[in-house]
Amino acid sequence: MKGYQDRAVWELRRQGLHTVAADAEAAWQRGEAFHPTASSPIAREIMEMIRIANWELSSAAA
């Protein structure tokens, strides 16, 4: 995984969102963007990390 992907997974786990972190990690390892459900209580800063992590994924494919 790339830098922001690792950071986002770490922050999700630190916030106690282990299931969301596992889902994000699995999606990124499959080469897919991760989009959390609307009901996930994710802080705005972590959502921004997820957005950048998804961008890293798409930029690596280009």
C-alpha atoms as a PDB file:
ATOM      1  CA  MET A   1       0.000   0.000   0.000  1.00  0.00           C
ATOM      2  CA  LYS A   2       1.013   3.590  -0.567  1.00  0.00           C
ATOM      3  CA  GLY A   3       1.698   6.307   2.000  1.00  0.00           C
ATOM      4  CA  TYR A   4      -1.770   7.771   2.484  1.00  0.00           C
ATOM      5  CA  GLN A   5      -3.349   4.328   2.359  1.00  0.00           C
ATOM      6  CA  ASP A   6      -1.155   3.209   5.264  1.00  0.00           C
ATOM      7  CA  ARG A   7      -1.863   6.419   7.166  1.00  0.00           C
ATOM      8  CA  ALA A   8      -5.613   6.175   6.631  1.00  0.00           C
ATOM      9  CA  VAL A   9      -5.713   2.546   7.792  1.00  0.00           C
ATOM     10  CA  TRP A  10      -3.611   3.413  10.843  1.00  0.00           C
ATOM     11  CA  GLU A  11      -5.847   6.374  11.740  1.00  0.00           C
ATOM     12  CA  LEU A  12      -9.013   4.309  11.306  1.00  0.00           C
ATOM     13  CA  ARG A  13      -7.625   1.673  13.653  1.00  0.00           C
ATOM     14  CA  ARG A  14      -6.492   4.345  16.120  1.00  0.00           C
ATOM     15  CA  GLN A  15     -10.040   5.727  16.134  1.00  0.00           C
ATOM     16  CA  GLY A  16     -11.360   2.239  16.951  1.00  0.00           C
ATOM     17  CA  LEU A  17     -12.860   1.676  13.492  1.00  0.00           C
ATOM     18  CA  HIS A  18     -11.204  -1.699  12.943  1.00  0.00           C
ATOM     19  CA  THR A  19     -13.843  -3.070  10.562  1.00  0.00           C
ATOM     20  CA  VAL A  20     -13.712   0.040   8.378  1.00  0.00           C
ATOM     21  CA  ALA A  21      -9.901  -0.128   8.400  1.00  0.00           C
ATOM     22  CA  ALA A  22      -9.965  -3.774   7.323  1.00  0.00           C
ATOM     23  CA  ASP A  23     -12.432  -2.973   4.530  1.00  0.00           C
ATOM     24  CA  ALA A  24     -10.269  -0.088   3.307  1.00  0.00           C
ATOM     25  CA  GLU A  25      -7.100  -2.160   3.405  1.00  0.00           C
ATOM     26  CA  ALA A  26      -8.754  -5.033   1.515  1.00  0.00           C
ATOM     27  CA  ALA A  27     -10.131  -2.694  -1.169  1.00  0.00           C
ATOM     28  CA  TRP A  28      -6.782  -0.996  -1.740  1.00  0.00           C
ATOM     29  CA  GLN A  29      -4.941  -4.320  -1.868  1.00  0.00           C
ATOM     30  CA  ARG A  30      -7.369  -5.432  -4.595  1.00  0.00           C
ATOM     31  CA  GLY A  31      -6.590  -2.229  -6.465  1.00  0.00           C
ATOM     32  CA  GLU A  32     -10.041  -0.757  -5.857  1.00  0.00           C
ATOM     33  CA  ALA A  33     -11.051   2.601  -4.427  1.00  0.00           C
ATOM     34  CA  PHE A  34     -12.561   2.526  -0.954  1.00  0.00           C
ATOM     35  CA  HIS A  35     -15.827   4.340  -0.256  1.00  0.00           C
ATOM     36  CA  PRO A  36     -17.012   4.047   3.359  1.00  0.00           C
ATOM     37  CA  THR A  37     -20.713   3.862   4.091  1.00  0.00           C
ATOM     38  CA  ALA A  38     -22.476   7.052   5.092  1.00  0.00           C
ATOM     39  CA  SER A  39     -23.179   5.591   8.527  1.00  0.00           C
ATOM     40  CA  SER A  40     -19.454   5.246   9.373  1.00  0.00           C
ATOM     41  CA  PRO A  41     -18.472   7.875  11.981  1.00  0.00           C
ATOM     42  CA  ILE A  42     -15.275   8.984  10.238  1.00  0.00           C
ATOM     43  CA  ALA A  43     -13.659  12.332  10.991  1.00  0.00           C
ATOM     44  CA  ARG A  44     -13.320  14.810   8.148  1.00  0.00           C
ATOM     45  CA  GLU A  45      -9.509  14.630   8.266  1.00  0.00           C
ATOM     46  CA  ILE A  46      -9.558  10.851   7.843  1.00  0.00           C
ATOM     47  CA  MET A  47     -12.069  11.147   4.988  1.00  0.00           C
ATOM     48  CA  GLU A  48      -9.577  13.456   3.282  1.00  0.00           C
ATOM     49  CA  MET A  49      -6.830  10.836   3.765  1.00  0.00           C
ATOM     50  CA  ILE A  50      -9.132   8.239   2.202  1.00  0.00           C
ATOM     51  CA  ARG A  51      -9.812  10.553  -0.757  1.00  0.00           C
ATOM     52  CA  ILE A  52      -6.064  11.058  -1.305  1.00  0.00           C
ATOM     53  CA  ALA A  53      -5.423   7.308  -0.853  1.00  0.00           C
ATOM     54  CA  ASN A  54      -7.997   6.569  -3.559  1.00  0.00           C
ATOM     55  CA  TRP A  55      -6.306   9.148  -5.774  1.00  0.00           C
ATOM     56  CA  GLU A  56      -2.922   7.478  -5.165  1.00  0.00           C
ATOM     57  CA  LEU A  57      -4.487   4.251  -6.366  1.00  0.00           C
ATOM     58  CA  SER A  58      -5.826   5.793  -9.564  1.00  0.00           C
ATOM     59  CA  SER A  59      -2.590   7.673 -10.265  1.00  0.00           C
ATOM     60  CA  ALA A  60      -0.569   4.452  -9.936  1.00  0.00           C
ATOM     61  CA  ALA A  61      -2.782   2.803 -12.553  1.00  0.00           C
ATOM     62  CA  ALA A  62      -2.245   5.643 -15.037  1.00  0.00           C
END
